[in-house]
Amino acid sequence: KLGEITESYLYPRLEKIFEQDDIIFAETG
């Protein structure tokens, strides 16, 4: 409601930018 970035927005939103053949490195944690 307040528009701050939470996990319910952040990770699904980033999922939508991934494209075929991308190389993704995610720091453990």
PDB file of all heavy atoms in Angstrom:
ATOM      1  N   LYS A   1       0.810  -1.210   0.000  1.00  0.00           N
ATOM      2  CA  LYS A   1       0.000   0.000   0.000  1.00  0.00           C
ATOM      3  C   LYS A   1       0.849   1.267   0.000  1.00  0.00           C
ATOM      4  O   LYS A   1       0.484   2.286  -0.588  1.00  0.00           O
ATOM      5  CB  LYS A   1      -0.911  -0.007   1.232  1.00  0.00           C
ATOM      6  CG  LYS A   1      -2.003  -1.074   1.176  1.00  0.00           C
ATOM      7  CD  LYS A   1      -2.896  -1.000   2.403  1.00  0.00           C
ATOM      8  CE  LYS A   1      -3.983  -2.059   2.344  1.00  0.00           C
ATOM      9  NZ  LYS A   1      -4.877  -2.018   3.548  1.00  0.00           N
ATOM     10  N   LEU A   2       2.004   1.201   0.658  1.00  0.00           N
ATOM     11  CA  LEU A   2       2.858   2.387   0.740  1.00  0.00           C
ATOM     12  C   LEU A   2       3.842   2.491  -0.419  1.00  0.00           C
ATOM     13  O   LEU A   2       4.560   3.484  -0.543  1.00  0.00           O
ATOM     14  CB  LEU A   2       3.614   2.382   2.070  1.00  0.00           C
ATOM     15  CG  LEU A   2       2.745   2.438   3.333  1.00  0.00           C
ATOM     16  CD1 LEU A   2       3.622   2.370   4.584  1.00  0.00           C
ATOM     17  CD2 LEU A   2       1.903   3.708   3.348  1.00  0.00           C
ATOM     18  N   GLY A   3       3.928   1.443  -1.242  1.00  0.00           N
ATOM     19  CA  GLY A   3       4.784   1.491  -2.422  1.00  0.00           C
ATOM     20  C   GLY A   3       6.227   1.133  -2.182  1.00  0.00           C
ATOM     21  O   GLY A   3       7.047   1.177  -3.110  1.00  0.00           O
ATOM     22  N   GLU A   4       6.593   0.777  -0.932  1.00  0.00           N
ATOM     23  CA  GLU A   4       7.981   0.390  -0.683  1.00  0.00           C
ATOM     24  C   GLU A   4       8.258  -0.962  -1.339  1.00  0.00           C
ATOM     25  O   GLU A   4       7.343  -1.746  -1.606  1.00  0.00           O
ATOM     26  CB  GLU A   4       8.283   0.347   0.818  1.00  0.00           C
ATOM     27  CG  GLU A   4       7.693  -0.829   1.564  1.00  0.00           C
ATOM     28  CD  GLU A   4       6.293  -0.594   2.076  1.00  0.00           C
ATOM     29  OE1 GLU A   4       5.604   0.295   1.524  1.00  0.00           O
ATOM     30  OE2 GLU A   4       5.874  -1.293   3.021  1.00  0.00           O
ATOM     31  N   ILE A   5       9.517  -1.248  -1.588  1.00  0.00           N
ATOM     32  CA  ILE A   5       9.903  -2.475  -2.288  1.00  0.00           C
ATOM     33  C   ILE A   5       9.940  -3.627  -1.292  1.00  0.00           C
ATOM     34  O   ILE A   5      10.706  -3.603  -0.324  1.00  0.00           O
ATOM     35  CB  ILE A   5      11.272  -2.308  -2.976  1.00  0.00           C
ATOM     36  CG1 ILE A   5      11.213  -1.164  -3.994  1.00  0.00           C
ATOM     37  CG2 ILE A   5      11.682  -3.606  -3.670  1.00  0.00           C
ATOM     38  CD1 ILE A   5      12.574  -0.782  -4.567  1.00  0.00           C
ATOM     39  N   THR A   6       9.116  -4.621  -1.545  1.00  0.00           N
ATOM     40  CA  THR A   6       9.078  -5.816  -0.714  1.00  0.00           C
ATOM     41  C   THR A   6       9.317  -7.037  -1.591  1.00  0.00           C
ATOM     42  O   THR A   6       9.313  -6.945  -2.828  1.00  0.00           O
ATOM     43  CB  THR A   6       7.727  -5.964  -0.006  1.00  0.00           C
ATOM     44  OG1 THR A   6       6.710  -6.177  -0.998  1.00  0.00           O
ATOM     45  CG2 THR A   6       7.405  -4.731   0.822  1.00  0.00           C
ATOM     46  N   GLU A   7       9.493  -8.191  -0.942  1.00  0.00           N
ATOM     47  CA  GLU A   7       9.769  -9.414  -1.693  1.00  0.00           C
ATOM     48  C   GLU A   7       8.621  -9.803  -2.609  1.00  0.00           C
ATOM     49  O   GLU A   7       8.828 -10.429  -3.656  1.00  0.00           O
ATOM     50  CB  GLU A   7      10.120 -10.560  -0.732  1.00  0.00           C
ATOM     51  CG  GLU A   7       8.958 -11.354  -0.172  1.00  0.00           C
ATOM     52  CD  GLU A   7       8.171 -10.616   0.897  1.00  0.00           C
ATOM     53  OE1 GLU A   7       8.609  -9.529   1.332  1.00  0.00           O
ATOM     54  OE2 GLU A   7       7.111 -11.135   1.310  1.00  0.00           O
ATOM     55  N   SER A   8       7.396  -9.432  -2.254  1.00  0.00           N
ATOM     56  CA  SER A   8       6.245  -9.797  -3.080  1.00  0.00           C
ATOM     57  C   SER A   8       6.223  -9.033  -4.401  1.00  0.00           C
ATOM     58  O   SER A   8       5.551  -9.442  -5.351  1.00  0.00           O
ATOM     59  CB  SER A   8       4.943  -9.548  -2.316  1.00  0.00           C
ATOM     60  OG  SER A   8       4.805  -8.174  -1.992  1.00  0.00           O
ATOM     61  N   TYR A   9       6.968  -7.939  -4.482  1.00  0.00           N
ATOM     62  CA  TYR A   9       7.091  -7.189  -5.730  1.00  0.00           C
ATOM     63  C   TYR A   9       8.443  -7.425  -6.392  1.00  0.00           C
ATOM     64  O   TYR A   9       8.518  -7.658  -7.607  1.00  0.00           O
ATOM     65  CB  TYR A   9       6.922  -5.686  -5.480  1.00  0.00           C
ATOM     66  CG  TYR A   9       6.927  -4.881  -6.766  1.00  0.00           C
ATOM     67  CD1 TYR A   9       5.770  -4.703  -7.496  1.00  0.00           C
ATOM     68  CD2 TYR A   9       8.104  -4.328  -7.262  1.00  0.00           C
ATOM     69  CE1 TYR A   9       5.759  -3.992  -8.687  1.00  0.00           C
ATOM     70  CE2 TYR A   9       8.121  -3.606  -8.444  1.00  0.00           C
ATOM     71  CZ  TYR A   9       6.946  -3.446  -9.153  1.00  0.00           C
ATOM     72  OH  TYR A   9       6.956  -2.748 -10.340  1.00  0.00           O
ATOM     73  N   LEU A  10       9.511  -7.381  -5.607  1.00  0.00           N
ATOM     74  CA  LEU A  10      10.870  -7.390  -6.155  1.00  0.00           C
ATOM     75  C   LEU A  10      11.158  -8.617  -7.016  1.00  0.00           C
ATOM     76  O   LEU A  10      11.529  -8.488  -8.191  1.00  0.00           O
ATOM     77  CB  LEU A  10      11.880  -7.303  -5.008  1.00  0.00           C
ATOM     78  CG  LEU A  10      13.360  -7.438  -5.397  1.00  0.00           C
ATOM     79  CD1 LEU A  10      13.773  -6.345  -6.367  1.00  0.00           C
ATOM     80  CD2 LEU A  10      14.232  -7.421  -4.147  1.00  0.00           C
ATOM     81  N   TYR A  11      11.009  -9.793  -6.456  1.00  0.00           N
ATOM     82  CA  TYR A  11      11.446 -10.992  -7.176  1.00  0.00           C
ATOM     83  C   TYR A  11      10.548 -11.340  -8.367  1.00  0.00           C
ATOM     84  O   TYR A  11      11.056 -11.659  -9.453  1.00  0.00           O
ATOM     85  CB  TYR A  11      11.606 -12.150  -6.202  1.00  0.00           C
ATOM     86  CG  TYR A  11      12.605 -11.839  -5.110  1.00  0.00           C
ATOM     87  CD1 TYR A  11      12.208 -11.691  -3.783  1.00  0.00           C
ATOM     88  CD2 TYR A  11      13.949 -11.624  -5.413  1.00  0.00           C
ATOM     89  CE1 TYR A  11      13.125 -11.368  -2.784  1.00  0.00           C
ATOM     90  CE2 TYR A  11      14.870 -11.296  -4.427  1.00  0.00           C
ATOM     91  CZ  TYR A  11      14.451 -11.165  -3.113  1.00  0.00           C
ATOM     92  OH  TYR A  11      15.357 -10.829  -2.136  1.00  0.00           O
ATOM     93  N   PRO A  12       9.202 -11.247  -8.229  1.00  0.00           N
ATOM     94  CA  PRO A  12       8.382 -11.460  -9.429  1.00  0.00           C
ATOM     95  C   PRO A  12       8.645 -10.419 -10.521  1.00  0.00           C
ATOM     96  O   PRO A  12       8.581 -10.736 -11.718  1.00  0.00           O
ATOM     97  CB  PRO A  12       6.951 -11.355  -8.888  1.00  0.00           C
ATOM     98  CG  PRO A  12       7.055 -11.692  -7.441  1.00  0.00           C
ATOM     99  CD  PRO A  12       8.380 -11.129  -7.015  1.00  0.00           C
ATOM    100  N   ARG A  13       8.962  -9.183 -10.124  1.00  0.00           N
ATOM    101  CA  ARG A  13       9.229  -8.147 -11.132  1.00  0.00           C
ATOM    102  C   ARG A  13      10.541  -8.420 -11.849  1.00  0.00           C
ATOM    103  O   ARG A  13      10.644  -8.257 -13.079  1.00  0.00           O
ATOM    104  CB  ARG A  13       9.267  -6.767 -10.458  1.00  0.00           C
ATOM    105  CG  ARG A  13       9.490  -5.611 -11.448  1.00  0.00           C
ATOM    106  CD  ARG A  13       8.355  -5.503 -12.435  1.00  0.00           C
ATOM    107  NE  ARG A  13       8.580  -4.452 -13.431  1.00  0.00           N
ATOM    108  CZ  ARG A  13       9.220  -4.650 -14.591  1.00  0.00           C
ATOM    109  NH1 ARG A  13       9.694  -5.856 -14.888  1.00  0.00           N
ATOM    110  NH2 ARG A  13       9.375  -3.656 -15.445  1.00  0.00           N
ATOM    111  N   LEU A  14      11.566  -8.844 -11.111  1.00  0.00           N
ATOM    112  CA  LEU A  14      12.837  -9.162 -11.763  1.00  0.00           C
ATOM    113  C   LEU A  14      12.693 -10.377 -12.669  1.00  0.00           C
ATOM    114  O   LEU A  14      13.335 -10.453 -13.732  1.00  0.00           O
ATOM    115  CB  LEU A  14      13.915  -9.416 -10.705  1.00  0.00           C
ATOM    116  CG  LEU A  14      14.376  -8.208  -9.893  1.00  0.00           C
ATOM    117  CD1 LEU A  14      15.461  -8.602  -8.909  1.00  0.00           C
ATOM    118  CD2 LEU A  14      14.872  -7.082 -10.798  1.00  0.00           C
ATOM    119  N   GLU A  15      11.869 -11.341 -12.281  1.00  0.00           N
ATOM    120  CA  GLU A  15      11.652 -12.525 -13.120  1.00  0.00           C
ATOM    121  C   GLU A  15      11.212 -12.125 -14.528  1.00  0.00           C
ATOM    122  O   GLU A  15      11.576 -12.775 -15.511  1.00  0.00           O
ATOM    123  CB  GLU A  15      10.595 -13.414 -12.469  1.00  0.00           C
ATOM    124  CG  GLU A  15      10.271 -14.687 -13.252  1.00  0.00           C
ATOM    125  CD  GLU A  15       9.144 -15.477 -12.608  1.00  0.00           C
ATOM    126  OE1 GLU A  15       8.141 -14.857 -12.176  1.00  0.00           O
ATOM    127  OE2 GLU A  15       9.250 -16.708 -12.521  1.00  0.00           O
ATOM    128  N   LYS A  16      10.471 -11.040 -14.634  1.00  0.00           N
ATOM    129  CA  LYS A  16       9.912 -10.640 -15.925  1.00  0.00           C
ATOM    130  C   LYS A  16      10.942 -10.003 -16.856  1.00  0.00           C
ATOM    131  O   LYS A  16      10.672  -9.857 -18.054  1.00  0.00           O
ATOM    132  CB  LYS A  16       8.730  -9.694 -15.710  1.00  0.00           C
ATOM    133  CG  LYS A  16       7.559 -10.363 -15.007  1.00  0.00           C
ATOM    134  CD  LYS A  16       6.364  -9.461 -14.913  1.00  0.00           C
ATOM    135  CE  LYS A  16       5.214 -10.179 -14.211  1.00  0.00           C
ATOM    136  NZ  LYS A  16       4.840 -11.440 -14.899  1.00  0.00           N
ATOM    137  N   ILE A  17      12.108  -9.614 -16.353  1.00  0.00           N
ATOM    138  CA  ILE A  17      13.106  -9.012 -17.250  1.00  0.00           C
ATOM    139  C   ILE A  17      14.041 -10.062 -17.847  1.00  0.00           C
ATOM    140  O   ILE A  17      14.797  -9.763 -18.773  1.00  0.00           O
ATOM    141  CB  ILE A  17      13.940  -7.929 -16.550  1.00  0.00           C
ATOM    142  CG1 ILE A  17      14.970  -8.544 -15.593  1.00  0.00           C
ATOM    143  CG2 ILE A  17      13.059  -6.915 -15.839  1.00  0.00           C
ATOM    144  CD1 ILE A  17      16.073  -7.602 -15.185  1.00  0.00           C
ATOM    145  N   PHE A  18      14.023 -11.289 -17.329  1.00  0.00           N
ATOM    146  CA  PHE A  18      14.942 -12.303 -17.816  1.00  0.00           C
ATOM    147  C   PHE A  18      14.586 -12.699 -19.251  1.00  0.00           C
ATOM    148  O   PHE A  18      13.409 -12.840 -19.595  1.00  0.00           O
ATOM    149  CB  PHE A  18      14.927 -13.534 -16.913  1.00  0.00           C
ATOM    150  CG  PHE A  18      15.357 -13.259 -15.493  1.00  0.00           C
ATOM    151  CD1 PHE A  18      14.820 -13.973 -14.428  1.00  0.00           C
ATOM    152  CD2 PHE A  18      16.289 -12.271 -15.216  1.00  0.00           C
ATOM    153  CE1 PHE A  18      15.210 -13.715 -13.124  1.00  0.00           C
ATOM    154  CE2 PHE A  18      16.691 -12.001 -13.913  1.00  0.00           C
ATOM    155  CZ  PHE A  18      16.140 -12.717 -12.862  1.00  0.00           C
ATOM    156  N   GLU A  19      15.618 -12.889 -20.052  1.00  0.00           N
ATOM    157  CA  GLU A  19      15.435 -13.213 -21.465  1.00  0.00           C
ATOM    158  C   GLU A  19      16.230 -14.459 -21.840  1.00  0.00           C
ATOM    159  O   GLU A  19      17.162 -14.855 -21.127  1.00  0.00           O
ATOM    160  CB  GLU A  19      15.901 -12.042 -22.344  1.00  0.00           C
ATOM    161  CG  GLU A  19      15.130 -10.748 -22.130  1.00  0.00           C
ATOM    162  CD  GLU A  19      15.678  -9.606 -22.963  1.00  0.00           C
ATOM    163  OE1 GLU A  19      16.738  -9.814 -23.627  1.00  0.00           O
ATOM    164  OE2 GLU A  19      15.083  -8.516 -22.950  1.00  0.00           O
ATOM    165  N   GLN A  20      15.872 -15.058 -22.963  1.00  0.00           N
ATOM    166  CA  GLN A  20      16.570 -16.240 -23.450  1.00  0.00           C
ATOM    167  C   GLN A  20      18.074 -15.988 -23.526  1.00  0.00           C
ATOM    168  O   GLN A  20      18.520 -14.922 -23.945  1.00  0.00           O
ATOM    169  CB  GLN A  20      16.055 -16.626 -24.836  1.00  0.00           C
ATOM    170  CG  GLN A  20      16.715 -17.862 -25.421  1.00  0.00           C
ATOM    171  CD  GLN A  20      16.055 -18.314 -26.714  1.00  0.00           C
ATOM    172  OE1 GLN A  20      14.907 -17.988 -26.972  1.00  0.00           O
ATOM    173  NE2 GLN A  20      16.774 -19.065 -27.527  1.00  0.00           N
ATOM    174  N   ASP A  21      18.844 -16.976 -23.065  1.00  0.00           N
ATOM    175  CA  ASP A  21      20.314 -16.970 -23.110  1.00  0.00           C
ATOM    176  C   ASP A  21      20.979 -16.071 -22.069  1.00  0.00           C
ATOM    177  O   ASP A  21      22.206 -15.947 -22.061  1.00  0.00           O
ATOM    178  CB  ASP A  21      20.844 -16.594 -24.505  1.00  0.00           C
ATOM    179  CG  ASP A  21      20.518 -17.646 -25.542  1.00  0.00           C
ATOM    180  OD1 ASP A  21      20.542 -18.840 -25.199  1.00  0.00           O
ATOM    181  OD2 ASP A  21      20.230 -17.275 -26.696  1.00  0.00           O
ATOM    182  N   ASP A  22      20.215 -15.458 -21.189  1.00  0.00           N
ATOM    183  CA  ASP A  22      20.836 -14.663 -20.115  1.00  0.00           C
ATOM    184  C   ASP A  22      21.732 -15.533 -19.239  1.00  0.00           C
ATOM    185  O   ASP A  22      21.484 -16.724 -19.048  1.00  0.00           O
ATOM    186  CB  ASP A  22      19.760 -14.032 -19.210  1.00  0.00           C
ATOM    187  CG  ASP A  22      19.164 -12.768 -19.793  1.00  0.00           C
ATOM    188  OD1 ASP A  22      19.709 -12.249 -20.785  1.00  0.00           O
ATOM    189  OD2 ASP A  22      18.141 -12.297 -19.238  1.00  0.00           O
ATOM    190  N   ILE A  23      22.765 -14.907 -18.697  1.00  0.00           N
ATOM    191  CA  ILE A  23      23.601 -15.534 -17.670  1.00  0.00           C
ATOM    192  C   ILE A  23      23.341 -14.768 -16.371  1.00  0.00           C
ATOM    193  O   ILE A  23      23.583 -13.566 -16.297  1.00  0.00           O
ATOM    194  CB  ILE A  23      25.092 -15.463 -18.027  1.00  0.00           C
ATOM    195  CG1 ILE A  23      25.373 -16.215 -19.332  1.00  0.00           C
ATOM    196  CG2 ILE A  23      25.948 -16.029 -16.897  1.00  0.00           C
ATOM    197  CD1 ILE A  23      26.794 -16.037 -19.847  1.00  0.00           C
ATOM    198  N   ILE A  24      22.839 -15.467 -15.350  1.00  0.00           N
ATOM    199  CA  ILE A  24      22.479 -14.827 -14.090  1.00  0.00           C
ATOM    200  C   ILE A  24      23.368 -15.364 -12.973  1.00  0.00           C
ATOM    201  O   ILE A  24      23.467 -16.580 -12.781  1.00  0.00           O
ATOM    202  CB  ILE A  24      21.002 -15.092 -13.736  1.00  0.00           C
ATOM    203  CG1 ILE A  24      20.084 -14.611 -14.854  1.00  0.00           C
ATOM    204  CG2 ILE A  24      20.638 -14.411 -12.411  1.00  0.00           C
ATOM    205  CD1 ILE A  24      18.637 -15.051 -14.693  1.00  0.00           C
ATOM    206  N   PHE A  25      24.014 -14.471 -12.260  1.00  0.00           N
ATOM    207  CA  PHE A  25      24.783 -14.827 -11.071  1.00  0.00           C
ATOM    208  C   PHE A  25      24.112 -14.195  -9.860  1.00  0.00           C
ATOM    209  O   PHE A  25      23.980 -12.975  -9.784  1.00  0.00           O
ATOM    210  CB  PHE A  25      26.240 -14.361 -11.184  1.00  0.00           C
ATOM    211  CG  PHE A  25      27.109 -15.333 -11.919  1.00  0.00           C
ATOM    212  CD1 PHE A  25      27.032 -15.445 -13.297  1.00  0.00           C
ATOM    213  CD2 PHE A  25      27.982 -16.161 -11.235  1.00  0.00           C
ATOM    214  CE1 PHE A  25      27.820 -16.354 -13.986  1.00  0.00           C
ATOM    215  CE2 PHE A  25      28.774 -17.080 -11.909  1.00  0.00           C
ATOM    216  CZ  PHE A  25      28.690 -17.179 -13.287  1.00  0.00           C
ATOM    217  N   ALA A  26      23.679 -15.038  -8.934  1.00  0.00           N
ATOM    218  CA  ALA A  26      23.009 -14.565  -7.722  1.00  0.00           C
ATOM    219  C   ALA A  26      23.861 -14.923  -6.517  1.00  0.00           C
ATOM    220  O   ALA A  26      24.152 -16.097  -6.283  1.00  0.00           O
ATOM    221  CB  ALA A  26      21.620 -15.191  -7.603  1.00  0.00           C
ATOM    222  N   GLU A  27      24.265 -13.905  -5.769  1.00  0.00           N
ATOM    223  CA  GLU A  27      25.056 -14.144  -4.564  1.00  0.00           C
ATOM    224  C   GLU A  27      24.290 -15.043  -3.608  1.00  0.00           C
ATOM    225  O   GLU A  27      23.092 -14.869  -3.394  1.00  0.00           O
ATOM    226  CB  GLU A  27      25.384 -12.819  -3.882  1.00  0.00           C
ATOM    227  CG  GLU A  27      26.222 -12.937  -2.629  1.00  0.00           C
ATOM    228  CD  GLU A  27      27.660 -13.329  -2.893  1.00  0.00           C
ATOM    229  OE1 GLU A  27      28.275 -12.787  -3.827  1.00  0.00           O
ATOM    230  OE2 GLU A  27      28.187 -14.184  -2.151  1.00  0.00           O
ATOM    231  N   THR A  28      24.987 -16.024  -3.054  1.00  0.00           N
ATOM    232  CA  THR A  28      24.351 -16.950  -2.130  1.00  0.00           C
ATOM    233  C   THR A  28      23.801 -16.192  -0.932  1.00  0.00           C
ATOM    234  O   THR A  28      24.521 -15.440  -0.276  1.00  0.00           O
ATOM    235  CB  THR A  28      25.360 -18.011  -1.662  1.00  0.00           C
ATOM    236  OG1 THR A  28      25.908 -18.652  -2.815  1.00  0.00           O
ATOM    237  CG2 THR A  28      24.698 -19.045  -0.786  1.00  0.00           C
ATOM    238  N   GLY A  29      22.521 -16.376  -0.643  1.00  0.00           N
ATOM    239  CA  GLY A  29      21.889 -15.676   0.468  1.00  0.00           C
ATOM    240  C   GLY A  29      20.571 -15.080   0.033  1.00  0.00           C
ATOM    241  O   GLY A  29      19.765 -15.720  -0.648  1.00  0.00           O
TER     242      GLY A  29
END
